[in-house]
Amino acid sequence: MEIEMIVLYICIAAGLGLGAYKYYKKLMADGKITLDEVLDLAEDLKDIVEDLPSLSSIKKMKKAELIELANQNGLAVDGTKADLISRLEEAKQVIENGQ
């Protein structure tokens, strides 16, 4: 179970890192990055966290919806409905605690 948590955290970090890198490349197209651009990135990340469903709504979702949500967030999509819920809950907590 402990290795699964480590892999989950690595996947979440990699997904967030890739998104941030793509955004950074877009911002650096002109060779400069401003404080406003950094603040915009922080706002975008905040919006991503706010767009994630609440933990109670995750528990009410059908397995197909959970698979789609997990896939959108770069999480493994195998296992039971309970496995998917657990992964999504852990990912949401990691993101919220990282702010």
N, C-alpha and C. Protein backbone atom coordinates (compact mmCIF):
# COMPACT_ATOMS: atom_id res chain seq x y z
N MET A 1 0.83 -1.19 0.00
CA MET A 1 0.00 0.00 0.00
C MET A 1 0.87 1.25 0.00
N GLU A 2 1.99 1.23 0.70
CA GLU A 2 2.85 2.39 0.81
C GLU A 2 3.46 2.76 -0.55
N ILE A 3 3.85 1.76 -1.35
CA ILE A 3 4.43 2.04 -2.66
C ILE A 3 3.38 2.64 -3.59
N GLU A 4 2.12 2.22 -3.44
CA GLU A 4 1.06 2.79 -4.26
C GLU A 4 0.89 4.27 -3.97
N MET A 5 1.02 4.67 -2.72
CA MET A 5 0.90 6.07 -2.35
C MET A 5 2.04 6.88 -2.95
N ILE A 6 3.23 6.32 -2.92
CA ILE A 6 4.39 7.01 -3.48
C ILE A 6 4.21 7.20 -4.98
N VAL A 7 3.76 6.15 -5.66
CA VAL A 7 3.52 6.23 -7.10
C VAL A 7 2.43 7.26 -7.40
N LEU A 8 1.38 7.26 -6.60
CA LEU A 8 0.30 8.24 -6.77
C LEU A 8 0.82 9.66 -6.64
N TYR A 9 1.60 9.94 -5.62
CA TYR A 9 2.15 11.27 -5.43
C TYR A 9 3.08 11.68 -6.56
N ILE A 10 3.85 10.73 -7.04
CA ILE A 10 4.75 11.01 -8.17
C ILE A 10 3.95 11.35 -9.41
N CYS A 11 2.87 10.60 -9.67
CA CYS A 11 2.03 10.87 -10.84
C CYS A 11 1.37 12.24 -10.75
N ILE A 12 0.88 12.58 -9.58
CA ILE A 12 0.25 13.89 -9.40
C ILE A 12 1.28 15.00 -9.60
N ALA A 13 2.44 14.83 -9.00
CA ALA A 13 3.49 15.85 -9.14
C ALA A 13 3.94 15.97 -10.59
N ALA A 14 4.05 14.83 -11.29
CA ALA A 14 4.47 14.87 -12.69
C ALA A 14 3.42 15.58 -13.54
N GLY A 15 2.15 15.31 -13.30
CA GLY A 15 1.09 15.97 -14.05
C GLY A 15 1.08 17.46 -13.82
N LEU A 16 1.19 17.87 -12.57
CA LEU A 16 1.23 19.31 -12.26
C LEU A 16 2.49 19.95 -12.82
N GLY A 17 3.60 19.23 -12.74
CA GLY A 17 4.87 19.75 -13.27
C GLY A 17 4.82 19.94 -14.77
N LEU A 18 4.25 18.97 -15.47
CA LEU A 18 4.13 19.07 -16.92
C LEU A 18 3.25 20.24 -17.32
N GLY A 19 2.13 20.40 -16.64
CA GLY A 19 1.24 21.53 -16.92
C GLY A 19 1.94 22.86 -16.66
N ALA A 20 2.66 22.94 -15.56
CA ALA A 20 3.38 24.17 -15.24
C ALA A 20 4.48 24.44 -16.26
N TYR A 21 5.16 23.39 -16.70
CA TYR A 21 6.23 23.56 -17.70
C TYR A 21 5.67 24.07 -19.03
N LYS A 22 4.54 23.50 -19.46
CA LYS A 22 3.92 23.95 -20.71
C LYS A 22 3.51 25.42 -20.59
N TYR A 23 2.96 25.79 -19.46
CA TYR A 23 2.56 27.17 -19.23
C TYR A 23 3.79 28.08 -19.21
N TYR A 24 4.85 27.62 -18.59
CA TYR A 24 6.10 28.39 -18.53
C TYR A 24 6.65 28.62 -19.92
N LYS A 25 6.64 27.58 -20.75
CA LYS A 25 7.14 27.71 -22.13
C LYS A 25 6.31 28.75 -22.89
N LYS A 26 5.01 28.74 -22.69
CA LYS A 26 4.13 29.71 -23.33
C LYS A 26 4.47 31.13 -22.87
N LEU A 27 4.68 31.29 -21.57
CA LEU A 27 5.00 32.60 -21.03
C LEU A 27 6.37 33.10 -21.50
N MET A 28 7.30 32.18 -21.64
CA MET A 28 8.66 32.55 -22.00
C MET A 28 8.86 32.72 -23.50
N ALA A 29 7.80 32.65 -24.29
CA ALA A 29 7.91 32.80 -25.73
C ALA A 29 8.56 34.14 -26.09
N ASP A 30 8.33 35.17 -25.29
CA ASP A 30 8.93 36.47 -25.56
C ASP A 30 10.26 36.65 -24.83
N GLY A 31 10.68 35.66 -24.06
CA GLY A 31 11.95 35.71 -23.36
C GLY A 31 11.90 36.38 -22.00
N LYS A 32 10.73 36.84 -21.60
CA LYS A 32 10.59 37.53 -20.31
C LYS A 32 9.39 36.96 -19.56
N ILE A 33 9.48 36.99 -18.27
CA ILE A 33 8.35 36.59 -17.44
C ILE A 33 8.13 37.69 -16.41
N THR A 34 6.90 38.10 -16.29
CA THR A 34 6.58 39.21 -15.39
C THR A 34 5.89 38.68 -14.12
N LEU A 35 5.83 39.53 -13.14
CA LEU A 35 5.13 39.17 -11.90
C LEU A 35 3.66 38.90 -12.18
N ASP A 36 3.06 39.67 -13.09
CA ASP A 36 1.66 39.45 -13.44
C ASP A 36 1.44 38.05 -14.02
N GLU A 37 2.38 37.60 -14.84
CA GLU A 37 2.26 36.26 -15.41
C GLU A 37 2.37 35.18 -14.33
N VAL A 38 3.23 35.39 -13.36
CA VAL A 38 3.36 34.45 -12.24
C VAL A 38 2.07 34.42 -11.43
N LEU A 39 1.51 35.59 -11.18
CA LEU A 39 0.26 35.65 -10.42
C LEU A 39 -0.88 35.01 -11.19
N ASP A 40 -0.91 35.19 -12.52
CA ASP A 40 -1.93 34.53 -13.35
C ASP A 40 -1.82 33.01 -13.25
N LEU A 41 -0.58 32.50 -13.25
CA LEU A 41 -0.37 31.06 -13.11
C LEU A 41 -0.90 30.57 -11.77
N ALA A 42 -0.65 31.31 -10.71
CA ALA A 42 -1.15 30.93 -9.38
C ALA A 42 -2.67 30.89 -9.37
N GLU A 43 -3.30 31.87 -10.02
CA GLU A 43 -4.76 31.89 -10.12
C GLU A 43 -5.28 30.69 -10.90
N ASP A 44 -4.59 30.35 -12.00
CA ASP A 44 -5.00 29.20 -12.81
C ASP A 44 -4.95 27.91 -11.99
N LEU A 45 -3.88 27.74 -11.19
CA LEU A 45 -3.77 26.55 -10.36
C LEU A 45 -4.87 26.51 -9.30
N LYS A 46 -5.20 27.67 -8.76
CA LYS A 46 -6.29 27.75 -7.79
C LYS A 46 -7.61 27.34 -8.43
N ASP A 47 -7.84 27.78 -9.66
CA ASP A 47 -9.06 27.41 -10.40
C ASP A 47 -9.13 25.92 -10.63
N ILE A 48 -7.99 25.29 -10.93
CA ILE A 48 -7.97 23.84 -11.15
C ILE A 48 -8.43 23.12 -9.90
N VAL A 49 -7.92 23.52 -8.76
CA VAL A 49 -8.29 22.88 -7.50
C VAL A 49 -9.77 23.09 -7.20
N GLU A 50 -10.27 24.29 -7.46
CA GLU A 50 -11.67 24.58 -7.19
C GLU A 50 -12.60 23.83 -8.13
N ASP A 51 -12.12 23.49 -9.34
CA ASP A 51 -12.93 22.77 -10.32
C ASP A 51 -13.06 21.28 -10.00
N LEU A 52 -12.17 20.76 -9.17
CA LEU A 52 -12.28 19.36 -8.80
C LEU A 52 -13.53 19.15 -7.96
N PRO A 53 -14.22 18.04 -8.18
CA PRO A 53 -15.44 17.78 -7.40
C PRO A 53 -15.13 17.62 -5.91
N SER A 54 -16.12 17.89 -5.09
CA SER A 54 -15.95 17.71 -3.65
C SER A 54 -15.86 16.22 -3.35
N LEU A 55 -15.34 15.91 -2.18
CA LEU A 55 -15.19 14.51 -1.79
C LEU A 55 -16.55 13.81 -1.70
N SER A 56 -17.56 14.52 -1.25
CA SER A 56 -18.88 13.89 -1.15
C SER A 56 -19.47 13.62 -2.53
N SER A 57 -19.21 14.51 -3.50
CA SER A 57 -19.75 14.26 -4.85
C SER A 57 -18.97 13.15 -5.56
N ILE A 58 -17.69 12.99 -5.24
CA ILE A 58 -16.91 11.90 -5.82
C ILE A 58 -17.52 10.56 -5.40
N LYS A 59 -17.92 10.46 -4.15
CA LYS A 59 -18.48 9.21 -3.64
C LYS A 59 -19.81 8.85 -4.31
N LYS A 60 -20.52 9.84 -4.84
CA LYS A 60 -21.82 9.60 -5.47
C LYS A 60 -21.71 9.28 -6.96
N MET A 61 -20.54 9.42 -7.53
CA MET A 61 -20.36 9.21 -8.97
C MET A 61 -20.42 7.73 -9.34
N LYS A 62 -20.80 7.47 -10.59
CA LYS A 62 -20.77 6.11 -11.12
C LYS A 62 -19.33 5.78 -11.50
N LYS A 63 -19.04 4.48 -11.61
CA LYS A 63 -17.67 4.05 -11.89
C LYS A 63 -17.15 4.65 -13.20
N ALA A 64 -17.98 4.72 -14.23
CA ALA A 64 -17.54 5.28 -15.51
C ALA A 64 -17.15 6.76 -15.35
N GLU A 65 -17.88 7.50 -14.53
CA GLU A 65 -17.55 8.90 -14.28
C GLU A 65 -16.24 9.01 -13.50
N LEU A 66 -16.04 8.10 -12.56
CA LEU A 66 -14.81 8.10 -11.77
C LEU A 66 -13.60 7.78 -12.65
N ILE A 67 -13.78 6.84 -13.57
CA ILE A 67 -12.70 6.50 -14.49
C ILE A 67 -12.34 7.71 -15.34
N GLU A 68 -13.35 8.40 -15.85
CA GLU A 68 -13.10 9.58 -16.67
C GLU A 68 -12.38 10.66 -15.88
N LEU A 69 -12.81 10.90 -14.65
CA LEU A 69 -12.20 11.91 -13.80
C LEU A 69 -10.75 11.53 -13.46
N ALA A 70 -10.53 10.26 -13.13
CA ALA A 70 -9.18 9.80 -12.83
C ALA A 70 -8.28 9.96 -14.05
N ASN A 71 -8.80 9.61 -15.20
CA ASN A 71 -8.04 9.73 -16.45
C ASN A 71 -7.67 11.19 -16.72
N GLN A 72 -8.60 12.10 -16.50
CA GLN A 72 -8.36 13.53 -16.71
C GLN A 72 -7.28 14.07 -15.78
N ASN A 73 -7.14 13.45 -14.63
CA ASN A 73 -6.17 13.92 -13.64
C ASN A 73 -4.90 13.09 -13.60
N GLY A 74 -4.71 12.23 -14.60
CA GLY A 74 -3.48 11.46 -14.70
C GLY A 74 -3.34 10.36 -13.68
N LEU A 75 -4.46 9.86 -13.18
CA LEU A 75 -4.42 8.79 -12.18
C LEU A 75 -4.73 7.45 -12.84
N ALA A 76 -4.32 6.37 -12.18
CA ALA A 76 -4.62 5.03 -12.68
C ALA A 76 -6.13 4.83 -12.69
N VAL A 77 -6.62 4.11 -13.70
CA VAL A 77 -8.06 3.92 -13.85
C VAL A 77 -8.50 2.48 -13.59
N ASP A 78 -7.59 1.65 -13.14
CA ASP A 78 -7.94 0.25 -12.87
C ASP A 78 -8.46 0.10 -11.45
N GLY A 79 -9.01 -1.06 -11.18
CA GLY A 79 -9.49 -1.37 -9.84
C GLY A 79 -10.99 -1.17 -9.69
N THR A 80 -11.42 -1.31 -8.47
CA THR A 80 -12.85 -1.20 -8.16
C THR A 80 -13.25 0.26 -8.01
N LYS A 81 -14.54 0.49 -7.85
CA LYS A 81 -15.05 1.84 -7.63
C LYS A 81 -14.43 2.42 -6.36
N ALA A 82 -14.31 1.61 -5.35
CA ALA A 82 -13.70 2.07 -4.09
C ALA A 82 -12.24 2.47 -4.29
N ASP A 83 -11.51 1.73 -5.13
CA ASP A 83 -10.12 2.09 -5.44
C ASP A 83 -10.05 3.45 -6.12
N LEU A 84 -10.93 3.67 -7.09
CA LEU A 84 -10.96 4.95 -7.81
C LEU A 84 -11.29 6.10 -6.87
N ILE A 85 -12.28 5.90 -6.03
CA ILE A 85 -12.67 6.94 -5.07
C ILE A 85 -11.49 7.26 -4.15
N SER A 86 -10.82 6.23 -3.68
CA SER A 86 -9.68 6.43 -2.80
C SER A 86 -8.58 7.23 -3.48
N ARG A 87 -8.26 6.87 -4.73
CA ARG A 87 -7.23 7.59 -5.48
C ARG A 87 -7.60 9.06 -5.68
N LEU A 88 -8.85 9.30 -6.05
CA LEU A 88 -9.29 10.67 -6.30
C LEU A 88 -9.31 11.49 -5.01
N GLU A 89 -9.75 10.88 -3.92
CA GLU A 89 -9.76 11.58 -2.63
C GLU A 89 -8.34 11.94 -2.21
N GLU A 90 -7.42 11.00 -2.36
CA GLU A 90 -6.03 11.25 -1.98
C GLU A 90 -5.42 12.34 -2.85
N ALA A 91 -5.71 12.31 -4.14
CA ALA A 91 -5.18 13.33 -5.05
C ALA A 91 -5.71 14.71 -4.67
N LYS A 92 -6.99 14.79 -4.38
CA LYS A 92 -7.59 16.08 -4.00
C LYS A 92 -6.96 16.59 -2.71
N GLN A 93 -6.75 15.72 -1.74
CA GLN A 93 -6.14 16.15 -0.47
C GLN A 93 -4.70 16.60 -0.68
N VAL A 94 -3.96 15.90 -1.55
CA VAL A 94 -2.58 16.29 -1.82
C VAL A 94 -2.54 17.68 -2.44
N ILE A 95 -3.43 17.93 -3.41
CA ILE A 95 -3.47 19.23 -4.07
C ILE A 95 -3.87 20.32 -3.09
N GLU A 96 -4.89 20.06 -2.29
CA GLU A 96 -5.35 21.07 -1.34
C GLU A 96 -4.29 21.36 -0.27
N ASN A 97 -3.59 20.33 0.20
CA ASN A 97 -2.57 20.52 1.23
C ASN A 97 -1.30 21.15 0.67
N GLY A 98 -1.12 21.06 -0.64
CA GLY A 98 0.06 21.63 -1.27
C GLY A 98 -0.05 23.13 -1.46
N GLN A 99 -1.23 23.69 -1.27
CA GLN A 99 -1.41 25.13 -1.46
C GLN A 99 -1.01 25.89 -0.23
